[in-house]
Amino acid sequence: MELYSREFGAGDPVIILHGMFGFSDNWQTIAKKLSEHFLAVTPDLRNHGRSPHVPTHTYPEMAEDLRAFMEAHWMFSARLIGHSMGGKVAMQLALSYPDMVERLVVVDIAPGQAEDNHSNIFQALLDMNLPSIPSRKAAEAFLSEHIADTGTRQFLLKNITRTETGTYTWKMNLHVLWEHFQDILAPVSGEPFDKPTLFIRGGNSNYIRPEDEPLIKSLFPQATIVTLEGAGHWVHADKPEELVAAVEAFLM
């Protein structure tokens, strides 16, 4: 599978993996900052953005996608940054192919079974008959009846694109993501990754809890966990400068 990607800068590679419902554009601001020191690469993961839409969506499969992507681009080792679902993909690659990962940054996700925080979002997206929606404004009006947070609605609306016939469609493979939602919530596993690892959690988020720390330490013995106060789950949107500072200090 050939993943679509964007590249910024030059130097040693840093690969940034987006979360569920995201795509490479979401991390463009962070990638441009990191490109002052590195080659920053932002792929679209399977069933997202411009990468292939396929029937399955598991972490072992996505780790294999990433391994093949890296080898096809002559990146036989890299620094990895992953947010949420992308963080689990990064962790799975590190646990399966430790020689391919020099340093690992995981943003606001733990390696274990995740809680369901998105069924209501899926339901709203599935209930919206997107081809019949006349405008983005109408799409936002529909979502506002089901999703209270403005930032979340704006993030989701970035997934809307026009077809050649002028109707709207999703950039993501929405139905497959819903069919495999339990796979997205599932834990990652493998032999411990004994290299420098940084977990960054949002102070207003519950995706990395104190009770997750024993599992984090068992799978990632060199893990450090830092909290960015005032940030929610979308840390890169809430506290971009603080995130870049923490990542740069760790990766350099």
Protein backbone atom coordinates (compact mmCIF):
# COMPACT_ATOMS: atom_id res chain seq x y z
CA MET A 1 0.00 0.00 0.00
CA GLU A 2 1.38 3.39 -0.99
CA LEU A 3 0.52 5.97 1.63
CA TYR A 4 0.08 9.58 0.54
CA SER A 5 2.43 11.94 2.37
CA ARG A 6 3.78 15.47 2.58
CA GLU A 7 7.39 16.42 3.31
CA PHE A 8 8.92 19.54 4.84
CA GLY A 9 12.59 20.47 5.25
CA ALA A 10 15.63 18.21 5.07
CA GLY A 11 17.79 16.12 7.37
CA ASP A 12 17.11 13.13 9.57
CA PRO A 13 13.49 12.00 9.17
CA VAL A 14 10.73 12.64 11.68
CA ILE A 15 7.44 10.94 10.80
CA ILE A 16 4.25 12.43 12.24
CA LEU A 17 1.12 10.26 12.39
CA HIS A 18 -2.34 11.84 12.73
CA GLY A 19 -5.25 10.52 14.77
CA MET A 20 -8.66 9.15 13.81
CA PHE A 21 -10.69 11.43 11.50
CA GLY A 22 -7.46 13.32 10.75
CA PHE A 23 -5.04 13.50 7.85
CA SER A 24 -1.62 14.92 7.04
CA ASP A 25 -2.76 18.56 6.93
CA ASN A 26 -3.65 18.51 10.64
CA TRP A 27 0.02 18.46 11.63
CA GLN A 28 1.34 20.79 8.94
CA THR A 29 2.08 23.67 11.34
CA ILE A 30 4.04 21.38 13.68
CA ALA A 31 5.82 19.74 10.73
CA LYS A 32 6.96 23.11 9.39
CA LYS A 33 8.38 24.02 12.79
CA LEU A 34 10.26 20.72 13.04
CA SER A 35 11.49 21.09 9.44
CA GLU A 36 13.96 23.71 10.68
CA HIS A 37 15.98 20.78 12.04
CA PHE A 38 14.59 17.62 10.39
CA LEU A 39 12.90 16.17 7.34
CA ALA A 40 9.32 16.19 8.65
CA VAL A 41 7.05 13.67 6.93
CA THR A 42 3.27 13.56 7.44
CA PRO A 43 1.59 10.50 5.88
CA ASP A 44 -2.13 9.89 5.61
CA LEU A 45 -2.83 6.58 7.34
CA ARG A 46 -5.01 3.98 5.59
CA ASN A 47 -8.69 4.92 5.27
CA HIS A 48 -7.83 8.59 5.82
CA GLY A 49 -7.11 11.50 3.49
CA ARG A 50 -5.57 10.56 0.14
CA SER A 51 -4.23 7.18 1.19
CA PRO A 52 -5.99 4.01 0.00
CA HIS A 53 -9.40 3.15 1.39
CA VAL A 54 -9.40 -0.55 2.25
CA PRO A 55 -11.75 -2.97 4.08
CA THR A 56 -9.70 -3.48 7.25
CA HIS A 57 -8.14 -1.23 9.90
CA THR A 58 -5.98 -2.83 12.63
CA TYR A 59 -2.80 -1.66 14.32
CA PRO A 60 -0.63 -4.56 13.05
CA GLU A 61 -1.80 -3.72 9.51
CA MET A 62 -1.13 -0.01 9.93
CA ALA A 63 2.31 -0.72 11.39
CA GLU A 64 3.04 -2.83 8.30
CA ASP A 65 1.80 0.04 6.11
CA LEU A 66 4.25 2.35 7.85
CA ARG A 67 7.14 -0.12 7.64
CA ALA A 68 6.58 -0.50 3.89
CA PHE A 69 6.25 3.29 3.50
CA MET A 70 9.53 3.90 5.30
CA GLU A 71 11.42 1.29 3.28
CA ALA A 72 9.97 2.58 0.00
CA HIS A 73 11.25 6.05 0.90
CA TRP A 74 14.68 4.81 2.02
CA MET A 75 13.98 5.62 5.65
CA PHE A 76 15.25 2.56 7.48
CA SER A 77 15.05 4.29 10.86
CA ALA A 78 13.33 7.46 11.97
CA ARG A 79 12.03 9.44 14.91
CA LEU A 80 8.27 8.88 15.26
CA ILE A 81 5.54 11.16 16.58
CA GLY A 82 1.99 9.84 16.79
CA HIS A 83 -1.22 11.38 18.12
CA SER A 84 -4.12 9.27 19.43
CA MET A 85 -4.73 6.49 16.87
CA GLY A 86 -1.50 7.53 15.16
CA GLY A 87 0.24 7.20 18.52
CA LYS A 88 -0.86 3.58 18.71
CA VAL A 89 0.40 2.97 15.17
CA ALA A 90 3.76 4.47 16.18
CA MET A 91 3.84 2.33 19.34
CA GLN A 92 2.99 -0.81 17.38
CA LEU A 93 5.80 -0.16 14.89
CA ALA A 94 8.24 0.42 17.76
CA LEU A 95 7.14 -2.80 19.48
CA SER A 96 7.28 -4.82 16.25
CA TYR A 97 10.31 -3.27 14.53
CA PRO A 98 12.41 -1.52 17.20
CA ASP A 99 15.38 -1.06 14.86
CA MET A 100 13.26 1.22 12.68
CA VAL A 101 12.46 3.67 15.49
CA GLU A 102 15.18 5.85 17.01
CA ARG A 103 13.00 7.83 19.39
CA LEU A 104 9.27 7.71 20.00
CA VAL A 105 6.83 10.49 20.92
CA VAL A 106 3.26 9.49 21.80
CA VAL A 107 0.74 12.31 22.10
CA ASP A 108 -2.26 11.79 24.39
CA ILE A 109 -2.92 8.06 24.08
CA ALA A 110 -2.01 5.04 26.19
CA PRO A 111 -1.05 1.61 24.81
CA GLY A 112 -3.93 -0.25 26.48
CA GLN A 113 -7.62 -0.59 25.68
CA ALA A 114 -9.05 2.88 25.05
CA GLU A 115 -12.39 4.16 26.28
CA ASP A 116 -15.16 4.87 23.80
CA ASN A 117 -15.24 8.66 23.43
CA HIS A 118 -16.37 8.75 19.82
CA SER A 119 -19.54 6.68 19.27
CA ASN A 120 -21.66 9.83 19.44
CA ILE A 121 -19.44 11.49 16.83
CA PHE A 122 -19.67 8.48 14.54
CA GLN A 123 -23.45 8.46 14.89
CA ALA A 124 -23.69 12.14 13.94
CA LEU A 125 -21.46 11.64 10.89
CA LEU A 126 -23.30 8.51 9.78
CA ASP A 127 -26.69 10.21 10.21
CA MET A 128 -25.68 13.10 7.96
CA ASN A 129 -26.59 12.26 4.36
CA LEU A 130 -23.56 14.05 3.00
CA PRO A 131 -24.34 13.83 -0.77
CA SER A 132 -27.61 15.66 -0.12
CA ILE A 133 -26.00 18.44 1.95
CA PRO A 134 -26.02 21.67 -0.13
CA SER A 135 -23.14 23.51 1.58
CA ARG A 136 -20.49 23.35 4.28
CA LYS A 137 -22.61 25.76 6.28
CA ALA A 138 -25.49 23.30 6.17
CA ALA A 139 -23.16 20.48 7.20
CA GLU A 140 -21.97 22.48 10.20
CA ALA A 141 -25.56 23.32 11.12
CA PHE A 142 -26.44 19.63 11.10
CA LEU A 143 -23.42 18.67 13.21
CA SER A 144 -24.10 21.49 15.68
CA GLU A 145 -27.31 19.70 16.66
CA HIS A 146 -25.30 16.64 17.70
CA ILE A 147 -21.78 17.86 18.61
CA ALA A 148 -21.57 20.80 21.01
CA ASP A 149 -17.86 21.61 20.73
CA THR A 150 -17.10 24.06 17.91
CA GLY A 151 -13.47 22.98 17.57
CA THR A 152 -14.48 19.33 17.12
CA ARG A 153 -17.02 20.27 14.44
CA GLN A 154 -14.46 22.35 12.54
CA PHE A 155 -11.95 19.49 12.74
CA LEU A 156 -14.49 17.01 11.34
CA LEU A 157 -15.60 19.37 8.57
CA LYS A 158 -12.05 19.36 7.19
CA ASN A 159 -12.87 15.80 6.05
CA ILE A 160 -15.50 17.04 3.59
CA THR A 161 -14.57 17.39 -0.06
CA ARG A 162 -16.46 17.85 -3.33
CA THR A 163 -16.84 15.12 -5.93
CA GLU A 164 -16.55 15.71 -9.67
CA THR A 165 -20.34 16.02 -9.83
CA GLY A 166 -20.34 18.79 -7.23
CA THR A 167 -21.77 16.85 -4.31
CA TYR A 168 -19.95 16.42 -1.00
CA THR A 169 -18.23 13.26 0.21
CA TRP A 170 -15.87 12.20 2.98
CA LYS A 171 -12.10 12.15 2.56
CA MET A 172 -12.03 9.33 5.13
CA ASN A 173 -13.50 5.84 4.79
CA LEU A 174 -16.15 6.54 7.39
CA HIS A 175 -18.06 3.25 7.23
CA VAL A 176 -14.94 1.10 7.53
CA LEU A 177 -13.69 3.18 10.46
CA TRP A 178 -17.02 2.60 12.20
CA GLU A 179 -16.99 -1.13 11.38
CA HIS A 180 -13.49 -1.38 12.87
CA PHE A 181 -13.96 1.06 15.74
CA GLN A 182 -13.28 -1.70 18.26
CA ASP A 183 -9.97 -2.37 16.50
CA ILE A 184 -9.12 1.32 16.88
CA LEU A 185 -9.87 1.14 20.62
CA ALA A 186 -7.82 -2.05 20.98
CA PRO A 187 -4.46 -2.23 22.78
CA VAL A 188 -1.09 -2.61 21.10
CA SER A 189 1.32 -5.37 22.06
CA GLY A 190 4.80 -6.75 21.51
CA GLU A 191 8.20 -6.98 23.09
CA PRO A 192 9.21 -3.94 25.17
CA PHE A 193 10.71 -1.01 23.25
CA ASP A 194 13.78 -0.06 25.28
CA LYS A 195 14.66 3.25 23.66
CA PRO A 196 13.91 6.87 24.62
CA THR A 197 10.15 7.44 24.60
CA LEU A 198 8.13 10.53 25.48
CA PHE A 199 4.43 10.47 26.33
CA ILE A 200 2.76 13.89 26.19
CA ARG A 201 -0.71 14.19 27.68
CA GLY A 202 -3.12 17.10 27.73
CA GLY A 203 -3.86 18.37 31.20
CA ASN A 204 -7.58 18.55 30.37
CA SER A 205 -7.66 15.11 28.73
CA ASN A 206 -8.36 11.67 30.21
CA TYR A 207 -6.69 9.59 27.49
CA ILE A 208 -3.59 8.88 29.63
CA ARG A 209 -4.61 8.15 33.21
CA PRO A 210 -2.46 7.38 36.26
CA GLU A 211 -3.59 3.75 36.09
CA ASP A 212 -2.12 3.51 32.56
CA GLU A 213 1.42 4.22 33.76
CA PRO A 214 2.37 0.65 34.82
CA LEU A 215 1.54 -0.67 31.33
CA ILE A 216 3.39 2.25 29.71
CA LYS A 217 6.48 1.53 31.79
CA SER A 218 6.33 -2.21 31.09
CA LEU A 219 6.18 -1.76 27.31
CA PHE A 220 8.37 1.36 27.18
CA PRO A 221 10.91 1.12 30.04
CA GLN A 222 12.58 4.42 29.13
CA ALA A 223 9.29 6.33 28.95
CA THR A 224 8.92 9.81 30.37
CA ILE A 225 5.42 11.24 30.79
CA VAL A 226 4.87 15.00 30.68
CA THR A 227 1.65 16.99 30.95
CA LEU A 228 0.85 20.15 28.99
CA GLU A 229 -1.56 22.07 31.19
CA GLY A 230 -4.51 23.70 29.47
CA ALA A 231 -4.48 21.26 26.55
CA GLY A 232 -7.24 18.82 25.71
CA HIS A 233 -6.93 15.72 23.54
CA TRP A 234 -5.95 17.74 20.46
CA VAL A 235 -2.75 18.93 22.09
CA HIS A 236 -1.22 20.16 18.82
CA ALA A 237 -4.18 22.51 18.30
CA ASP A 238 -4.50 23.69 21.91
CA LYS A 239 -0.82 24.20 22.81
CA PRO A 240 1.24 24.09 19.59
CA GLU A 241 4.21 26.11 20.83
CA GLU A 242 4.51 24.16 24.07
CA LEU A 243 4.21 20.89 22.15
CA VAL A 244 6.93 21.85 19.67
CA ALA A 245 9.22 22.92 22.51
CA ALA A 246 8.76 19.59 24.34
CA VAL A 247 9.21 17.55 21.16
CA GLU A 248 12.29 19.43 19.98
CA ALA A 249 13.97 19.12 23.37
CA PHE A 250 13.39 15.37 23.27
CA LEU A 251 14.29 14.72 19.62
CA MET A 252 17.41 16.86 19.30
